[in-house]
PDB file of N, CA and C in Angstrom:
ATOM      1  N   MET A   1      86.417-150.767 -21.435  1.00  0.00           N
ATOM      2  CA  MET A   1      86.749-151.377 -22.342  1.00  0.00           C
ATOM      3  C   MET A   1      86.372-151.351 -23.995  1.00  0.00           C
ATOM      4  N   LYS A   2      85.371-150.170 -23.984  1.00  0.00           N
ATOM      5  CA  LYS A   2      85.323-149.519 -24.771  1.00  0.00           C
ATOM      6  C   LYS A   2      86.587-148.987 -25.640  1.00  0.00           C
ATOM      7  N   GLU A   3      87.437-148.117 -25.155  1.00  0.00           N
ATOM      8  CA  GLU A   3      88.264-147.718 -25.181  1.00  0.00           C
ATOM      9  C   GLU A   3      89.291-148.706 -25.857  1.00  0.00           C
ATOM     10  N   PHE A   4      89.566-149.863 -25.611  1.00  0.00           N
ATOM     11  CA  PHE A   4      90.706-151.006 -25.562  1.00  0.00           C
ATOM     12  C   PHE A   4      90.223-151.439 -27.062  1.00  0.00           C
ATOM     13  N   ALA A   5      88.568-151.601 -27.505  1.00  0.00           N
ATOM     14  CA  ALA A   5      88.056-151.742 -28.813  1.00  0.00           C
ATOM     15  C   ALA A   5      88.263-150.885 -30.025  1.00  0.00           C
ATOM     16  N   ILE A   6      88.329-149.867 -29.297  1.00  0.00           N
ATOM     17  CA  ILE A   6      88.465-148.830 -30.217  1.00  0.00           C
ATOM     18  C   ILE A   6      90.206-148.694 -30.801  1.00  0.00           C
ATOM     19  N   TYR A   7      90.858-148.940 -29.571  1.00  0.00           N
ATOM     20  CA  TYR A   7      92.056-148.805 -29.865  1.00  0.00           C
ATOM     21  C   TYR A   7      92.947-149.724 -30.477  1.00  0.00           C
ATOM     22  N   THR A   8      92.009-150.953 -30.589  1.00  0.00           N
ATOM     23  CA  THR A   8      92.452-152.116 -31.339  1.00  0.00           C
ATOM     24  C   THR A   8      92.055-151.886 -32.863  1.00  0.00           C
ATOM     25  N   GLY A   9      90.614-151.542 -32.659  1.00  0.00           N
ATOM     26  CA  GLY A   9      90.212-151.589 -34.312  1.00  0.00           C
ATOM     27  C   GLY A   9      91.117-150.609 -35.156  1.00  0.00           C
ATOM     28  N   LEU A  10      91.823-149.184 -34.630  1.00  0.00           N
ATOM     29  CA  LEU A  10      92.404-148.544 -35.213  1.00  0.00           C
ATOM     30  C   LEU A  10      93.866-148.923 -35.297  1.00  0.00           C
ATOM     31  N   ARG A  11      94.527-149.743 -34.051  1.00  0.00           N
ATOM     32  CA  ARG A  11      95.547-150.810 -34.822  1.00  0.00           C
ATOM     33  C   ARG A  11      95.778-151.330 -35.748  1.00  0.00           C
ATOM     34  N   LEU A  12      94.515-152.361 -35.699  1.00  0.00           N
ATOM     35  CA  LEU A  12      94.392-152.993 -36.857  1.00  0.00           C
ATOM     36  C   LEU A  12      94.427-152.120 -38.423  1.00  0.00           C
ATOM     37  N   ALA A  13      93.330-151.253 -38.579  1.00  0.00           N
ATOM     38  CA  ALA A  13      93.438-150.019 -39.889  1.00  0.00           C
ATOM     39  C   ALA A  13      95.003-149.712 -40.264  1.00  0.00           C
ATOM     40  N   LEU A  14      95.424-149.428 -39.077  1.00  0.00           N
ATOM     41  CA  LEU A  14      96.755-149.181 -38.813  1.00  0.00           C
ATOM     42  C   LEU A  14      97.460-149.641 -39.870  1.00  0.00           C
ATOM     43  N   PHE A  15      97.824-151.066 -39.305  1.00  0.00           N
ATOM     44  CA  PHE A  15      98.669-151.881 -39.749  1.00  0.00           C
ATOM     45  C   PHE A  15      98.126-152.462 -41.246  1.00  0.00           C
ATOM     46  N   ALA A  16      96.714-152.281 -41.388  1.00  0.00           N
ATOM     47  CA  ALA A  16      96.468-152.205 -42.446  1.00  0.00           C
ATOM     48  C   ALA A  16      97.032-151.514 -43.844  1.00  0.00           C
ATOM     49  N   VAL A  17      96.781-150.586 -43.354  1.00  0.00           N
ATOM     50  CA  VAL A  17      97.493-149.369 -44.141  1.00  0.00           C
ATOM     51  C   VAL A  17      99.164-149.406 -44.734  1.00  0.00           C
ATOM     52  N   CYS A  18      99.664-150.109 -43.631  1.00  0.00           N
ATOM     53  CA  CYS A  18     101.616-150.554 -44.064  1.00  0.00           C
ATOM     54  C   CYS A  18     101.109-151.181 -44.750  1.00  0.00           C
ATOM     55  N   PHE A  19     100.429-152.230 -44.548  1.00  0.00           N
ATOM     56  CA  PHE A  19     100.485-153.652 -45.565  1.00  0.00           C
ATOM     57  C   PHE A  19     100.311-153.306 -47.148  1.00  0.00           C
ATOM     58  N   ALA A  20      99.473-152.863 -47.096  1.00  0.00           N
ATOM     59  CA  ALA A  20      99.590-152.100 -48.237  1.00  0.00           C
ATOM     60  C   ALA A  20     100.480-151.456 -49.360  1.00  0.00           C
ATOM     61  N   VAL A  21     100.746-150.870 -48.355  1.00  0.00           N
ATOM     62  CA  VAL A  21     102.267-149.621 -48.878  1.00  0.00           C
ATOM     63  C   VAL A  21     103.472-150.659 -48.935  1.00  0.00           C
ATOM     64  N   LEU A  22     103.338-151.462 -48.212  1.00  0.00           N
ATOM     65  CA  LEU A  22     104.209-152.578 -48.465  1.00  0.00           C
ATOM     66  C   LEU A  22     104.187-153.493 -49.403  1.00  0.00           C
ATOM     67  N   TRP A  23     103.124-153.718 -49.571  1.00  0.00           N
ATOM     68  CA  TRP A  23     102.373-154.745 -50.792  1.00  0.00           C
ATOM     69  C   TRP A  23     102.920-154.128 -52.226  1.00  0.00           C
ATOM     70  N   PHE A  24     102.500-152.399 -52.018  1.00  0.00           N
ATOM     71  CA  PHE A  24     103.121-152.312 -53.150  1.00  0.00           C
ATOM     72  C   PHE A  24     104.320-151.481 -53.346  1.00  0.00           C
ATOM     73  N   ALA A  25     105.476-151.454 -52.611  1.00  0.00           N
ATOM     74  CA  ALA A  25     106.098-151.143 -52.265  1.00  0.00           C
ATOM     75  C   ALA A  25     107.284-152.228 -52.451  1.00  0.00           C
ATOM     76  N   LEU A  26     107.403-153.347 -52.299  1.00  0.00           N
ATOM     77  CA  LEU A  26     108.231-154.318 -52.181  1.00  0.00           C
ATOM     78  C   LEU A  26     109.847-153.929 -52.408  1.00  0.00           C
ATOM     79  N   ASN A  27     109.681-153.158 -53.472  1.00  0.00           N
ATOM     80  CA  ASN A  27     111.074-153.075 -54.171  1.00  0.00           C
ATOM     81  C   ASN A  27     111.936-152.409 -53.458  1.00  0.00           C
ATOM     82  N   ASN A  28     111.240-151.271 -52.819  1.00  0.00           N
ATOM     83  CA  ASN A  28     111.801-149.874 -52.348  1.00  0.00           C
ATOM     84  C   ASN A  28     111.915-150.236 -50.792  1.00  0.00           C
ATOM     85  N   TRP A  29     112.412-150.896 -50.013  1.00  0.00           N
ATOM     86  CA  TRP A  29     112.451-151.300 -48.688  1.00  0.00           C
ATOM     87  C   TRP A  29     112.730-150.103 -47.786  1.00  0.00           C
ATOM     88  N   LEU A  30     113.852-148.858 -48.252  1.00  0.00           N
ATOM     89  CA  LEU A  30     113.857-147.106 -47.325  1.00  0.00           C
ATOM     90  C   LEU A  30     112.447-147.135 -47.405  1.00  0.00           C
ATOM     91  N   THR A  31     111.474-146.920 -48.615  1.00  0.00           N
ATOM     92  CA  THR A  31     110.320-146.397 -48.310  1.00  0.00           C
ATOM     93  C   THR A  31     109.392-147.086 -47.563  1.00  0.00           C
ATOM     94  N   VAL A  32     109.168-148.066 -47.199  1.00  0.00           N
ATOM     95  CA  VAL A  32     108.319-148.832 -46.185  1.00  0.00           C
ATOM     96  C   VAL A  32     108.855-148.489 -45.112  1.00  0.00           C
ATOM     97  N   PHE A  33     110.083-148.666 -44.540  1.00  0.00           N
ATOM     98  CA  PHE A  33     110.302-148.807 -43.475  1.00  0.00           C
ATOM     99  C   PHE A  33     110.103-148.360 -42.459  1.00  0.00           C
ATOM    100  N   PRO A  34     110.301-146.775 -43.014  1.00  0.00           N
ATOM    101  CA  PRO A  34     110.029-145.786 -41.747  1.00  0.00           C
ATOM    102  C   PRO A  34     108.395-145.258 -41.391  1.00  0.00           C
ATOM    103  N   LEU A  35     107.626-146.284 -43.005  1.00  0.00           N
ATOM    104  CA  LEU A  35     106.000-146.163 -42.230  1.00  0.00           C
ATOM    105  C   LEU A  35     105.671-147.196 -41.131  1.00  0.00           C
ATOM    106  N   LEU A  36     106.421-148.827 -41.316  1.00  0.00           N
ATOM    107  CA  LEU A  36     106.026-149.450 -40.491  1.00  0.00           C
ATOM    108  C   LEU A  36     106.822-149.103 -39.027  1.00  0.00           C
ATOM    109  N   LEU A  37     107.775-148.480 -39.278  1.00  0.00           N
ATOM    110  CA  LEU A  37     108.773-148.233 -37.728  1.00  0.00           C
ATOM    111  C   LEU A  37     107.603-146.822 -36.727  1.00  0.00           C
ATOM    112  N   VAL A  38     106.767-146.120 -37.538  1.00  0.00           N
ATOM    113  CA  VAL A  38     106.295-145.266 -37.119  1.00  0.00           C
ATOM    114  C   VAL A  38     104.963-145.820 -36.645  1.00  0.00           C
ATOM    115  N   ALA A  39     104.194-146.898 -36.988  1.00  0.00           N
ATOM    116  CA  ALA A  39     103.163-146.976 -36.739  1.00  0.00           C
ATOM    117  C   ALA A  39     103.209-148.087 -35.688  1.00  0.00           C
ATOM    118  N   LEU A  40     104.602-149.094 -35.754  1.00  0.00           N
ATOM    119  CA  LEU A  40     104.894-149.646 -34.552  1.00  0.00           C
ATOM    120  C   LEU A  40     105.215-148.146 -33.394  1.00  0.00           C
ATOM    121  N   ILE A  41     105.634-147.302 -33.416  1.00  0.00           N
ATOM    122  CA  ILE A  41     105.766-146.704 -32.661  1.00  0.00           C
ATOM    123  C   ILE A  41     104.768-146.152 -31.860  1.00  0.00           C
ATOM    124  N   VAL A  42     103.876-145.698 -33.184  1.00  0.00           N
ATOM    125  CA  VAL A  42     102.814-144.639 -32.145  1.00  0.00           C
ATOM    126  C   VAL A  42     101.700-146.111 -31.624  1.00  0.00           C
ATOM    127  N   SER A  43     101.459-146.848 -32.022  1.00  0.00           N
ATOM    128  CA  SER A  43     100.506-148.119 -31.685  1.00  0.00           C
ATOM    129  C   SER A  43     101.340-148.286 -30.374  1.00  0.00           C
ATOM    130  N   SER A  44     102.507-148.315 -29.809  1.00  0.00           N
ATOM    131  CA  SER A  44     103.254-148.458 -28.551  1.00  0.00           C
ATOM    132  C   SER A  44     102.709-147.479 -27.343  1.00  0.00           C
ATOM    133  N   ILE A  45     102.509-146.494 -28.238  1.00  0.00           N
ATOM    134  CA  ILE A  45     102.746-144.921 -27.391  1.00  0.00           C
ATOM    135  C   ILE A  45     101.076-144.870 -26.931  1.00  0.00           C
ATOM    136  N   LEU A  46     100.082-145.579 -28.010  1.00  0.00           N
ATOM    137  CA  LEU A  46      98.596-145.187 -27.959  1.00  0.00           C
ATOM    138  C   LEU A  46      98.108-146.419 -26.867  1.00  0.00           C
ATOM    139  N   SER A  47      98.774-147.697 -26.630  1.00  0.00           N
ATOM    140  CA  SER A  47      98.546-148.573 -26.169  1.00  0.00           C
ATOM    141  C   SER A  47      98.681-148.758 -24.489  1.00  0.00           C
ATOM    142  N   ILE A  48      99.994-147.420 -24.016  1.00  0.00           N
ATOM    143  CA  ILE A  48     100.193-147.117 -23.012  1.00  0.00           C
ATOM    144  C   ILE A  48      98.694-146.631 -22.175  1.00  0.00           C
ATOM    145  N   PHE A  49      98.440-145.328 -22.788  1.00  0.00           N
ATOM    146  CA  PHE A  49      97.497-144.586 -22.562  1.00  0.00           C
ATOM    147  C   PHE A  49      96.388-145.749 -22.168  1.00  0.00           C
ATOM    148  N   VAL A  50      95.693-146.190 -23.380  1.00  0.00           N
ATOM    149  CA  VAL A  50      94.569-147.015 -23.203  1.00  0.00           C
ATOM    150  C   VAL A  50      94.638-148.099 -22.342  1.00  0.00           C
ATOM    151  N   LEU A  51      95.350-148.694 -22.269  1.00  0.00           N
ATOM    152  CA  LEU A  51      95.655-149.533 -20.944  1.00  0.00           C
ATOM    153  C   LEU A  51      95.917-148.828 -19.736  1.00  0.00           C
ATOM    154  N   ARG A  52      96.077-147.932 -19.175  1.00  0.00           N
ATOM    155  CA  ARG A  52      95.896-147.181 -18.326  1.00  0.00           C
ATOM    156  C   ARG A  52      94.715-147.019 -17.968  1.00  0.00           C
ATOM    157  N   ALA A  53      93.765-146.133 -18.796  1.00  0.00           N
ATOM    158  CA  ALA A  53      92.269-145.795 -18.735  1.00  0.00           C
ATOM    159  C   ALA A  53      91.826-147.293 -18.045  1.00  0.00           C
ATOM    160  N   ALA A  54      92.139-148.336 -18.751  1.00  0.00           N
ATOM    161  CA  ALA A  54      91.053-149.680 -18.506  1.00  0.00           C
ATOM    162  C   ALA A  54      91.456-150.040 -17.127  1.00  0.00           C
ATOM    163  N   ARG A  55      92.900-149.682 -17.007  1.00  0.00           N
ATOM    164  CA  ARG A  55      93.050-150.287 -15.495  1.00  0.00           C
ATOM    165  C   ARG A  55      92.516-149.977 -14.328  1.00  0.00           C
ATOM    166  N   ASP A  56      92.618-148.158 -14.389  1.00  0.00           N
ATOM    167  CA  ASP A  56      92.398-147.457 -13.500  1.00  0.00           C
ATOM    168  C   ASP A  56      90.631-147.092 -13.582  1.00  0.00           C
ATOM    169  N   ARG A  57      90.027-147.803 -14.796  1.00  0.00           N
ATOM    170  CA  ARG A  57      88.580-148.050 -14.300  1.00  0.00           C
ATOM    171  C   ARG A  57      88.373-149.179 -13.381  1.00  0.00           C
ATOM    172  N   LEU A  58      88.998-150.282 -13.415  1.00  0.00           N
ATOM    173  CA  LEU A  58      88.990-151.687 -13.229  1.00  0.00           C
ATOM    174  C   LEU A  58      89.439-151.382 -11.517  1.00  0.00           C
ATOM    175  N   ALA A  59      90.043-150.755 -11.342  1.00  0.00           N
ATOM    176  CA  ALA A  59      90.538-150.355  -9.827  1.00  0.00           C
ATOM    177  C   ALA A  59      89.676-149.376  -9.397  1.00  0.00           C
ATOM    178  N   GLY A  60      89.023-148.432  -9.819  1.00  0.00           N
ATOM    179  CA  GLY A  60      87.777-147.559  -9.337  1.00  0.00           C
ATOM    180  C   GLY A  60      86.646-148.640  -9.121  1.00  0.00           C
ATOM    181  N   THR A  61      85.987-149.978  -9.925  1.00  0.00           N
ATOM    182  CA  THR A  61      85.276-150.292  -9.956  1.00  0.00           C
ATOM    183  C   THR A  61      85.586-151.716  -8.456  1.00  0.00           C
ATOM    184  N   ILE A  62      86.634-151.979  -8.520  1.00  0.00           N
ATOM    185  CA  ILE A  62      86.638-152.700  -7.277  1.00  0.00           C
ATOM    186  C   ILE A  62      86.758-152.726  -5.942  1.00  0.00           C
ATOM    187  N   GLU A  63      87.180-151.030  -5.809  1.00  0.00           N
ATOM    188  CA  GLU A  63      86.972-150.365  -4.601  1.00  0.00           C
ATOM    189  C   GLU A  63      85.518-150.149  -4.812  1.00  0.00           C
ATOM    190  N   GLN A  64      84.746-149.833  -5.794  1.00  0.00           N
ATOM    191  CA  GLN A  64      83.476-149.531  -5.253  1.00  0.00           C
ATOM    192  C   GLN A  64      82.946-150.692  -4.365  1.00  0.00           C
ATOM    193  N   ARG A  65      83.133-151.831  -5.425  1.00  0.00           N
ATOM    194  CA  ARG A  65      82.453-153.375  -4.591  1.00  0.00           C
ATOM    195  C   ARG A  65      82.909-153.396  -3.110  1.00  0.00           C
ATOM    196  N   ALA A  66      84.131-153.468  -3.097  1.00  0.00           N
ATOM    197  CA  ALA A  66      85.061-153.520  -1.689  1.00  0.00           C
ATOM    198  C   ALA A  66      84.034-152.500  -0.774  1.00  0.00           C
ATOM    199  N   GLY A  67      83.901-151.519  -0.704  1.00  0.00           N
ATOM    200  CA  GLY A  67      83.413-150.141  -0.459  1.00  0.00           C
ATOM    201  C   GLY A  67      81.764-151.090   0.180  1.00  0.00           C
ATOM    202  N   ARG A  68      81.052-151.835  -1.156  1.00  0.00           N
ATOM    203  CA  ARG A  68      79.671-152.224  -0.587  1.00  0.00           C
ATOM    204  C   ARG A  68      79.339-153.519   0.331  1.00  0.00           C
ATOM    205  N   ILE A  69      80.651-153.676  -0.036  1.00  0.00           N
ATOM    206  CA  ILE A  69      80.680-155.402   0.836  1.00  0.00           C
ATOM    207  C   ILE A  69      81.073-154.561   2.224  1.00  0.00           C
ATOM    208  N   SER A  70      81.386-153.885   2.722  1.00  0.00           N
ATOM    209  CA  SER A  70      82.300-153.397   3.524  1.00  0.00           C
ATOM    210  C   SER A  70      80.701-153.267   4.544  1.00  0.00           C
ATOM    211  N   GLU A  71      80.348-152.279   3.851  1.00  0.00           N
ATOM    212  CA  GLU A  71      79.139-151.430   4.384  1.00  0.00           C
ATOM    213  C   GLU A  71      77.687-152.862   4.603  1.00  0.00           C
ATOM    214  N   ARG A  72      77.637-153.854   3.693  1.00  0.00           N
ATOM    215  CA  ARG A  72      76.563-154.874   4.222  1.00  0.00           C
ATOM    216  C   ARG A  72      77.398-155.368   5.106  1.00  0.00           C
ATOM    217  N   ILE A  73      78.476-155.940   5.429  1.00  0.00           N
ATOM    218  CA  ILE A  73      79.059-156.613   6.587  1.00  0.00           C
ATOM    219  C   ILE A  73      78.650-155.552   8.324  1.00  0.00           C
ATOM    220  N   GLU A  74      79.095-154.765   7.954  1.00  0.00           N
ATOM    221  CA  GLU A  74      78.848-153.503   9.082  1.00  0.00           C
ATOM    222  C   GLU A  74      77.475-153.186   9.030  1.00  0.00           C
ATOM    223  N   GLN A  75      76.102-153.412   8.300  1.00  0.00           N
ATOM    224  CA  GLN A  75      74.858-153.182   8.345  1.00  0.00           C
ATOM    225  C   GLN A  75      74.514-154.750   9.059  1.00  0.00           C
ATOM    226  N   SER A  76      75.259-155.855   9.025  1.00  0.00           N
ATOM    227  CA  SER A  76      74.696-156.783   9.633  1.00  0.00           C
ATOM    228  C   SER A  76      75.115-156.862  10.710  1.00  0.00           C
ATOM    229  N   ARG A  77      76.946-156.616  10.675  1.00  0.00           N
ATOM    230  CA  ARG A  77      76.976-156.245  12.579  1.00  0.00           C
ATOM    231  C   ARG A  77      76.129-155.891  13.460  1.00  0.00           C
ATOM    232  N   ARG A  78      76.172-154.546  12.960  1.00  0.00           N
ATOM    233  CA  ARG A  78      75.085-154.037  13.712  1.00  0.00           C
ATOM    234  C   ARG A  78      73.425-154.725  14.133  1.00  0.00           C
ATOM    235  N   ALA A  79      73.094-155.232  12.952  1.00  0.00           N
ATOM    236  CA  ALA A  79      71.773-156.040  12.954  1.00  0.00           C
ATOM    237  C   ALA A  79      72.268-156.802  14.010  1.00  0.00           C
ATOM    238  N   GLU A  80      73.049-157.740  14.104  1.00  0.00           N
ATOM    239  CA  GLU A  80      73.203-158.841  15.296  1.00  0.00           C
ATOM    240  C   GLU A  80      73.511-158.553  16.340  1.00  0.00           C
ATOM    241  N   ASP A  81      74.268-156.799  16.484  1.00  0.00           N
ATOM    242  CA  ASP A  81      74.329-156.627  18.060  1.00  0.00           C
ATOM    243  C   ASP A  81      72.730-156.123  18.685  1.00  0.00           C
ATOM    244  N   ASP A  82      71.925-155.661  17.581  1.00  0.00           N
ATOM    245  CA  ASP A  82      70.232-155.014  17.954  1.00  0.00           C
ATOM    246  C   ASP A  82      69.844-156.166  18.369  1.00  0.00           C
ATOM    247  N   ASP A  83      69.840-157.317  18.322  1.00  0.00           N
ATOM    248  CA  ASP A  83      69.542-158.499  18.669  1.00  0.00           C
ATOM    249  C   ASP A  83      69.890-159.169  19.768  1.00  0.00           C
TER     250      ASP A  83
END
């Protein structure tokens, strides 16, 4: 989740910069619109990679826990068979 926090901070910073540009250039929309469009496109592309990394890490964690649970179940079955 650390990547998600970093991504969120970068996204907020990018939009803060875009807002500042918008604030100072309200009368010239043709200057501001491309910057906002680029910021939106870049943040959308970055979100795909950040969320994919978080999803893959979560899937790995779930698989590890499922493996440990399976091992414990198998150990308890062996213990019952030994008795």
